[in-house]
Amino acid sequence: LFDAFETEAAQQACASFARLVATGDYYRAL
């Protein structure tokens, strides 16, 4: 999905999602 998004905002949301998943915060990642 990250490669498919072209806007910076969408890529930042992907990065935020990845950070939440990496810390095990799945509910906020949802």
PDB file of all heavy atoms in Angstrom:
ATOM      1  N   LEU A   1       0.813  -1.209   0.000  1.00  0.00           N
ATOM      2  CA  LEU A   1       0.000   0.000   0.000  1.00  0.00           C
ATOM      3  C   LEU A   1       0.848   1.261   0.000  1.00  0.00           C
ATOM      4  O   LEU A   1       0.541   2.228  -0.695  1.00  0.00           O
ATOM      5  CB  LEU A   1      -0.927  -0.006   1.221  1.00  0.00           C
ATOM      6  CG  LEU A   1      -2.072   0.973   1.215  1.00  0.00           C
ATOM      7  CD1 LEU A   1      -2.992   0.739   0.013  1.00  0.00           C
ATOM      8  CD2 LEU A   1      -2.871   0.847   2.497  1.00  0.00           C
ATOM      9  N   PHE A   2       1.939   1.261   0.752  1.00  0.00           N
ATOM     10  CA  PHE A   2       2.783   2.447   0.855  1.00  0.00           C
ATOM     11  C   PHE A   2       3.282   2.884  -0.524  1.00  0.00           C
ATOM     12  O   PHE A   2       3.274   4.070  -0.854  1.00  0.00           O
ATOM     13  CB  PHE A   2       3.975   2.188   1.784  1.00  0.00           C
ATOM     14  CG  PHE A   2       4.816   3.409   2.015  1.00  0.00           C
ATOM     15  CD1 PHE A   2       4.429   4.352   2.951  1.00  0.00           C
ATOM     16  CD2 PHE A   2       5.973   3.632   1.290  1.00  0.00           C
ATOM     17  CE1 PHE A   2       5.189   5.501   3.170  1.00  0.00           C
ATOM     18  CE2 PHE A   2       6.738   4.763   1.495  1.00  0.00           C
ATOM     19  CZ  PHE A   2       6.344   5.698   2.436  1.00  0.00           C
ATOM     20  N   ASP A   3       3.698   1.931  -1.335  1.00  0.00           N
ATOM     21  CA  ASP A   3       4.202   2.255  -2.671  1.00  0.00           C
ATOM     22  C   ASP A   3       3.113   2.801  -3.588  1.00  0.00           C
ATOM     23  O   ASP A   3       3.406   3.531  -4.528  1.00  0.00           O
ATOM     24  CB  ASP A   3       4.847   1.016  -3.309  1.00  0.00           C
ATOM     25  CG  ASP A   3       6.122   0.612  -2.597  1.00  0.00           C
ATOM     26  OD1 ASP A   3       6.751   1.471  -1.945  1.00  0.00           O
ATOM     27  OD2 ASP A   3       6.492  -0.574  -2.685  1.00  0.00           O
ATOM     28  N   ALA A   4       1.860   2.460  -3.306  1.00  0.00           N
ATOM     29  CA  ALA A   4       0.759   2.908  -4.162  1.00  0.00           C
ATOM     30  C   ALA A   4       0.342   4.348  -3.873  1.00  0.00           C
ATOM     31  O   ALA A   4      -0.192   5.024  -4.745  1.00  0.00           O
ATOM     32  CB  ALA A   4      -0.436   1.977  -3.994  1.00  0.00           C
ATOM     33  N   PHE A   5       0.573   4.830  -2.658  1.00  0.00           N
ATOM     34  CA  PHE A   5       0.179   6.188  -2.301  1.00  0.00           C
ATOM     35  C   PHE A   5       1.193   7.192  -2.804  1.00  0.00           C
ATOM     36  O   PHE A   5       2.391   7.025  -2.616  1.00  0.00           O
ATOM     37  CB  PHE A   5       0.024   6.351  -0.782  1.00  0.00           C
ATOM     38  CG  PHE A   5      -1.230   5.748  -0.228  1.00  0.00           C
ATOM     39  CD1 PHE A   5      -1.199   4.997   0.929  1.00  0.00           C
ATOM     40  CD2 PHE A   5      -2.456   5.944  -0.843  1.00  0.00           C
ATOM     41  CE1 PHE A   5      -2.349   4.446   1.454  1.00  0.00           C
ATOM     42  CE2 PHE A   5      -3.613   5.401  -0.324  1.00  0.00           C
ATOM     43  CZ  PHE A   5      -3.563   4.646   0.833  1.00  0.00           C
ATOM     44  N   GLU A   6       0.693   8.253  -3.426  1.00  0.00           N
ATOM     45  CA  GLU A   6       1.572   9.275  -3.984  1.00  0.00           C
ATOM     46  C   GLU A   6       1.635  10.534  -3.131  1.00  0.00           C
ATOM     47  O   GLU A   6       2.616  11.247  -3.178  1.00  0.00           O
ATOM     48  CB  GLU A   6       1.102   9.636  -5.397  1.00  0.00           C
ATOM     49  CG  GLU A   6       1.199   8.464  -6.362  1.00  0.00           C
ATOM     50  CD  GLU A   6       0.636   8.788  -7.730  1.00  0.00           C
ATOM     51  OE1 GLU A   6       0.089   9.898  -7.916  1.00  0.00           O
ATOM     52  OE2 GLU A   6       0.735   7.931  -8.606  1.00  0.00           O
ATOM     53  N   THR A   7       0.601  10.815  -2.342  1.00  0.00           N
ATOM     54  CA  THR A   7       0.596  12.054  -1.577  1.00  0.00           C
ATOM     55  C   THR A   7       1.416  11.893  -0.291  1.00  0.00           C
ATOM     56  O   THR A   7       1.478  10.810   0.291  1.00  0.00           O
ATOM     57  CB  THR A   7      -0.829  12.489  -1.199  1.00  0.00           C
ATOM     58  OG1 THR A   7      -1.370  11.555  -0.267  1.00  0.00           O
ATOM     59  CG2 THR A   7      -1.717  12.598  -2.426  1.00  0.00           C
ATOM     60  N   GLU A   8       2.002  13.004   0.113  1.00  0.00           N
ATOM     61  CA  GLU A   8       2.809  12.984   1.339  1.00  0.00           C
ATOM     62  C   GLU A   8       1.947  12.668   2.558  1.00  0.00           C
ATOM     63  O   GLU A   8       2.366  11.929   3.457  1.00  0.00           O
ATOM     64  CB  GLU A   8       3.509  14.327   1.527  1.00  0.00           C
ATOM     65  CG  GLU A   8       4.443  14.341   2.713  1.00  0.00           C
ATOM     66  CD  GLU A   8       5.186  15.648   2.854  1.00  0.00           C
ATOM     67  OE1 GLU A   8       5.370  16.371   1.858  1.00  0.00           O
ATOM     68  OE2 GLU A   8       5.582  15.942   3.990  1.00  0.00           O
ATOM     69  N   ALA A   9       0.735  13.193   2.589  1.00  0.00           N
ATOM     70  CA  ALA A   9      -0.158  12.956   3.731  1.00  0.00           C
ATOM     71  C   ALA A   9      -0.478  11.463   3.865  1.00  0.00           C
ATOM     72  O   ALA A   9      -0.481  10.920   4.973  1.00  0.00           O
ATOM     73  CB  ALA A   9      -1.433  13.768   3.583  1.00  0.00           C
ATOM     74  N   ALA A  10      -0.748  10.813   2.751  1.00  0.00           N
ATOM     75  CA  ALA A  10      -1.054   9.378   2.781  1.00  0.00           C
ATOM     76  C   ALA A  10       0.166   8.575   3.210  1.00  0.00           C
ATOM     77  O   ALA A  10       0.059   7.625   3.993  1.00  0.00           O
ATOM     78  CB  ALA A  10      -1.556   8.910   1.423  1.00  0.00           C
ATOM     79  N   GLN A  11       1.347   8.951   2.721  1.00  0.00           N
ATOM     80  CA  GLN A  11       2.565   8.247   3.110  1.00  0.00           C
ATOM     81  C   GLN A  11       2.875   8.474   4.591  1.00  0.00           C
ATOM     82  O   GLN A  11       3.337   7.565   5.275  1.00  0.00           O
ATOM     83  CB  GLN A  11       3.724   8.669   2.225  1.00  0.00           C
ATOM     84  CG  GLN A  11       3.575   8.144   0.807  1.00  0.00           C
ATOM     85  CD  GLN A  11       4.650   8.625  -0.131  1.00  0.00           C
ATOM     86  OE1 GLN A  11       5.369   9.572   0.159  1.00  0.00           O
ATOM     87  NE2 GLN A  11       4.751   7.972  -1.277  1.00  0.00           N
ATOM     88  N   GLN A  12       2.593   9.672   5.103  1.00  0.00           N
ATOM     89  CA  GLN A  12       2.783   9.934   6.533  1.00  0.00           C
ATOM     90  C   GLN A  12       1.811   9.101   7.364  1.00  0.00           C
ATOM     91  O   GLN A  12       2.173   8.606   8.436  1.00  0.00           O
ATOM     92  CB  GLN A  12       2.624  11.417   6.836  1.00  0.00           C
ATOM     93  CG  GLN A  12       3.799  12.249   6.373  1.00  0.00           C
ATOM     94  CD  GLN A  12       3.592  13.733   6.631  1.00  0.00           C
ATOM     95  OE1 GLN A  12       2.527  14.174   7.031  1.00  0.00           O
ATOM     96  NE2 GLN A  12       4.642  14.507   6.387  1.00  0.00           N
ATOM     97  N   ALA A  13       0.590   8.943   6.878  1.00  0.00           N
ATOM     98  CA  ALA A  13      -0.380   8.103   7.583  1.00  0.00           C
ATOM     99  C   ALA A  13       0.094   6.651   7.600  1.00  0.00           C
ATOM    100  O   ALA A  13      -0.057   5.957   8.611  1.00  0.00           O
ATOM    101  CB  ALA A  13      -1.756   8.220   6.938  1.00  0.00           C
ATOM    102  N   CYS A  14       0.687   6.194   6.498  1.00  0.00           N
ATOM    103  CA  CYS A  14       1.262   4.845   6.458  1.00  0.00           C
ATOM    104  C   CYS A  14       2.378   4.706   7.494  1.00  0.00           C
ATOM    105  O   CYS A  14       2.463   3.691   8.195  1.00  0.00           O
ATOM    106  CB  CYS A  14       1.818   4.527   5.070  1.00  0.00           C
ATOM    107  SG  CYS A  14       0.593   4.091   3.835  1.00  0.00           S
ATOM    108  N   ALA A  15       3.232   5.705   7.588  1.00  0.00           N
ATOM    109  CA  ALA A  15       4.336   5.676   8.553  1.00  0.00           C
ATOM    110  C   ALA A  15       3.796   5.670   9.980  1.00  0.00           C
ATOM    111  O   ALA A  15       4.307   4.938  10.843  1.00  0.00           O
ATOM    112  CB  ALA A  15       5.268   6.858   8.325  1.00  0.00           C
ATOM    113  N   SER A  16       2.771   6.457  10.238  1.00  0.00           N
ATOM    114  CA  SER A  16       2.152   6.482  11.564  1.00  0.00           C
ATOM    115  C   SER A  16       1.552   5.122  11.891  1.00  0.00           C
ATOM    116  O   SER A  16       1.709   4.604  13.002  1.00  0.00           O
ATOM    117  CB  SER A  16       1.083   7.569  11.613  1.00  0.00           C
ATOM    118  OG  SER A  16       0.412   7.550  12.835  1.00  0.00           O
ATOM    119  N   PHE A  17       0.871   4.539  10.920  1.00  0.00           N
ATOM    120  CA  PHE A  17       0.296   3.210  11.086  1.00  0.00           C
ATOM    121  C   PHE A  17       1.401   2.204  11.425  1.00  0.00           C
ATOM    122  O   PHE A  17       1.263   1.403  12.354  1.00  0.00           O
ATOM    123  CB  PHE A  17      -0.442   2.795   9.805  1.00  0.00           C
ATOM    124  CG  PHE A  17      -0.971   1.391   9.835  1.00  0.00           C
ATOM    125  CD1 PHE A  17      -2.202   1.117  10.393  1.00  0.00           C
ATOM    126  CD2 PHE A  17      -0.233   0.343   9.305  1.00  0.00           C
ATOM    127  CE1 PHE A  17      -2.687  -0.180  10.428  1.00  0.00           C
ATOM    128  CE2 PHE A  17      -0.707  -0.953   9.334  1.00  0.00           C
ATOM    129  CZ  PHE A  17      -1.944  -1.217   9.894  1.00  0.00           C
ATOM    130  N   ALA A  18       2.502   2.253  10.689  1.00  0.00           N
ATOM    131  CA  ALA A  18       3.612   1.318  10.911  1.00  0.00           C
ATOM    132  C   ALA A  18       4.185   1.460  12.321  1.00  0.00           C
ATOM    133  O   ALA A  18       4.493   0.455  12.980  1.00  0.00           O
ATOM    134  CB  ALA A  18       4.703   1.542   9.866  1.00  0.00           C
ATOM    135  N   ARG A  19       4.318   2.701  12.795  1.00  0.00           N
ATOM    136  CA  ARG A  19       4.837   2.921  14.157  1.00  0.00           C
ATOM    137  C   ARG A  19       3.897   2.310  15.200  1.00  0.00           C
ATOM    138  O   ARG A  19       4.346   1.687  16.166  1.00  0.00           O
ATOM    139  CB  ARG A  19       5.021   4.414  14.432  1.00  0.00           C
ATOM    140  CG  ARG A  19       6.299   4.998  13.852  1.00  0.00           C
ATOM    141  CD  ARG A  19       6.561   6.416  14.357  1.00  0.00           C
ATOM    142  NE  ARG A  19       5.532   7.376  13.975  1.00  0.00           N
ATOM    143  CZ  ARG A  19       5.467   7.981  12.790  1.00  0.00           C
ATOM    144  NH1 ARG A  19       6.384   7.742  11.859  1.00  0.00           N
ATOM    145  NH2 ARG A  19       4.509   8.843  12.524  1.00  0.00           N
ATOM    146  N   LEU A  20       2.613   2.489  15.014  1.00  0.00           N
ATOM    147  CA  LEU A  20       1.641   1.950  15.963  1.00  0.00           C
ATOM    148  C   LEU A  20       1.678   0.425  15.982  1.00  0.00           C
ATOM    149  O   LEU A  20       1.644  -0.195  17.050  1.00  0.00           O
ATOM    150  CB  LEU A  20       0.233   2.461  15.644  1.00  0.00           C
ATOM    151  CG  LEU A  20       0.021   3.951  15.896  1.00  0.00           C
ATOM    152  CD1 LEU A  20      -1.256   4.435  15.231  1.00  0.00           C
ATOM    153  CD2 LEU A  20       0.003   4.240  17.388  1.00  0.00           C
ATOM    154  N   VAL A  21       1.765  -0.178  14.811  1.00  0.00           N
ATOM    155  CA  VAL A  21       1.840  -1.636  14.731  1.00  0.00           C
ATOM    156  C   VAL A  21       3.141  -2.132  15.361  1.00  0.00           C
ATOM    157  O   VAL A  21       3.148  -3.124  16.101  1.00  0.00           O
ATOM    158  CB  VAL A  21       1.709  -2.115  13.266  1.00  0.00           C
ATOM    159  CG1 VAL A  21       2.088  -3.581  13.116  1.00  0.00           C
ATOM    160  CG2 VAL A  21       0.282  -1.879  12.764  1.00  0.00           C
ATOM    161  N   ALA A  22       4.243  -1.432  15.103  1.00  0.00           N
ATOM    162  CA  ALA A  22       5.540  -1.845  15.657  1.00  0.00           C
ATOM    163  C   ALA A  22       5.537  -1.839  17.178  1.00  0.00           C
ATOM    164  O   ALA A  22       6.233  -2.641  17.802  1.00  0.00           O
ATOM    165  CB  ALA A  22       6.643  -0.939  15.124  1.00  0.00           C
ATOM    166  N   THR A  23       4.752  -0.948  17.781  1.00  0.00           N
ATOM    167  CA  THR A  23       4.685  -0.885  19.240  1.00  0.00           C
ATOM    168  C   THR A  23       3.547  -1.734  19.806  1.00  0.00           C
ATOM    169  O   THR A  23       3.322  -1.738  21.019  1.00  0.00           O
ATOM    170  CB  THR A  23       4.519   0.571  19.729  1.00  0.00           C
ATOM    171  OG1 THR A  23       3.304   1.100  19.196  1.00  0.00           O
ATOM    172  CG2 THR A  23       5.706   1.426  19.320  1.00  0.00           C
ATOM    173  N   GLY A  24       2.824  -2.439  18.923  1.00  0.00           N
ATOM    174  CA  GLY A  24       1.741  -3.312  19.366  1.00  0.00           C
ATOM    175  C   GLY A  24       0.447  -2.594  19.695  1.00  0.00           C
ATOM    176  O   GLY A  24      -0.449  -3.175  20.294  1.00  0.00           O
ATOM    177  N   ASP A  25       0.322  -1.350  19.284  1.00  0.00           N
ATOM    178  CA  ASP A  25      -0.893  -0.569  19.545  1.00  0.00           C
ATOM    179  C   ASP A  25      -1.856  -0.753  18.365  1.00  0.00           C
ATOM    180  O   ASP A  25      -2.123   0.172  17.597  1.00  0.00           O
ATOM    181  CB  ASP A  25      -0.545   0.902  19.749  1.00  0.00           C
ATOM    182  CG  ASP A  25      -1.694   1.697  20.349  1.00  0.00           C
ATOM    183  OD1 ASP A  25      -2.829   1.171  20.403  1.00  0.00           O
ATOM    184  OD2 ASP A  25      -1.447   2.845  20.758  1.00  0.00           O
ATOM    185  N   TYR A  26      -2.403  -1.951  18.263  1.00  0.00           N
ATOM    186  CA  TYR A  26      -3.240  -2.303  17.115  1.00  0.00           C
ATOM    187  C   TYR A  26      -4.553  -1.519  17.083  1.00  0.00           C
ATOM    188  O   TYR A  26      -5.040  -1.188  16.007  1.00  0.00           O
ATOM    189  CB  TYR A  26      -3.526  -3.811  17.110  1.00  0.00           C
ATOM    190  CG  TYR A  26      -2.288  -4.624  16.848  1.00  0.00           C
ATOM    191  CD1 TYR A  26      -1.614  -5.248  17.894  1.00  0.00           C
ATOM    192  CD2 TYR A  26      -1.775  -4.760  15.572  1.00  0.00           C
ATOM    193  CE1 TYR A  26      -0.475  -5.992  17.662  1.00  0.00           C
ATOM    194  CE2 TYR A  26      -0.633  -5.497  15.326  1.00  0.00           C
ATOM    195  CZ  TYR A  26       0.011  -6.117  16.378  1.00  0.00           C
ATOM    196  OH  TYR A  26       1.143  -6.834  16.141  1.00  0.00           O
ATOM    197  N   TYR A  27      -5.111  -1.210  18.248  1.00  0.00           N
ATOM    198  CA  TYR A  27      -6.383  -0.487  18.250  1.00  0.00           C
ATOM    199  C   TYR A  27      -6.218   0.898  17.625  1.00  0.00           C
ATOM    200  O   TYR A  27      -7.007   1.303  16.774  1.00  0.00           O
ATOM    201  CB  TYR A  27      -6.949  -0.374  19.671  1.00  0.00           C
ATOM    202  CG  TYR A  27      -8.333   0.233  19.665  1.00  0.00           C
ATOM    203  CD1 TYR A  27      -9.435  -0.532  19.302  1.00  0.00           C
ATOM    204  CD2 TYR A  27      -8.534   1.566  19.987  1.00  0.00           C
ATOM    205  CE1 TYR A  27     -10.709   0.014  19.271  1.00  0.00           C
ATOM    206  CE2 TYR A  27      -9.801   2.123  19.959  1.00  0.00           C
ATOM    207  CZ  TYR A  27     -10.881   1.345  19.600  1.00  0.00           C
ATOM    208  OH  TYR A  27     -12.141   1.891  19.555  1.00  0.00           O
ATOM    209  N   ARG A  28      -5.190   1.633  18.020  1.00  0.00           N
ATOM    210  CA  ARG A  28      -4.961   2.952  17.409  1.00  0.00           C
ATOM    211  C   ARG A  28      -4.544   2.809  15.950  1.00  0.00           C
ATOM    212  O   ARG A  28      -4.846   3.671  15.127  1.00  0.00           O
ATOM    213  CB  ARG A  28      -3.918   3.725  18.206  1.00  0.00           C
ATOM    214  CG  ARG A  28      -4.485   4.246  19.507  1.00  0.00           C
ATOM    215  CD  ARG A  28      -3.610   5.320  20.113  1.00  0.00           C
ATOM    216  NE  ARG A  28      -4.220   5.833  21.310  1.00  0.00           N
ATOM    217  CZ  ARG A  28      -3.696   5.718  22.524  1.00  0.00           C
ATOM    218  NH1 ARG A  28      -2.531   5.147  22.690  1.00  0.00           N
ATOM    219  NH2 ARG A  28      -4.325   6.207  23.566  1.00  0.00           N
ATOM    220  N   ALA A  29      -3.843   1.738  15.629  1.00  0.00           N
ATOM    221  CA  ALA A  29      -3.481   1.498  14.231  1.00  0.00           C
ATOM    222  C   ALA A  29      -4.732   1.321  13.372  1.00  0.00           C
ATOM    223  O   ALA A  29      -4.768   1.767  12.223  1.00  0.00           O
ATOM    224  CB  ALA A  29      -2.573   0.270  14.122  1.00  0.00           C
ATOM    225  N   LEU A  30      -5.766   0.702  13.925  1.00  0.00           N
ATOM    226  CA  LEU A  30      -7.021   0.546  13.181  1.00  0.00           C
ATOM    227  C   LEU A  30      -7.627   1.897  12.835  1.00  0.00           C
ATOM    228  O   LEU A  30      -8.136   2.094  11.732  1.00  0.00           O
ATOM    229  CB  LEU A  30      -8.015  -0.300  13.977  1.00  0.00           C
ATOM    230  CG  LEU A  30      -7.698  -1.787  14.070  1.00  0.00           C
ATOM    231  CD1 LEU A  30      -8.624  -2.463  15.066  1.00  0.00           C
ATOM    232  CD2 LEU A  30      -7.784  -2.445  12.705  1.00  0.00           C
TER     233      LEU A  30
END
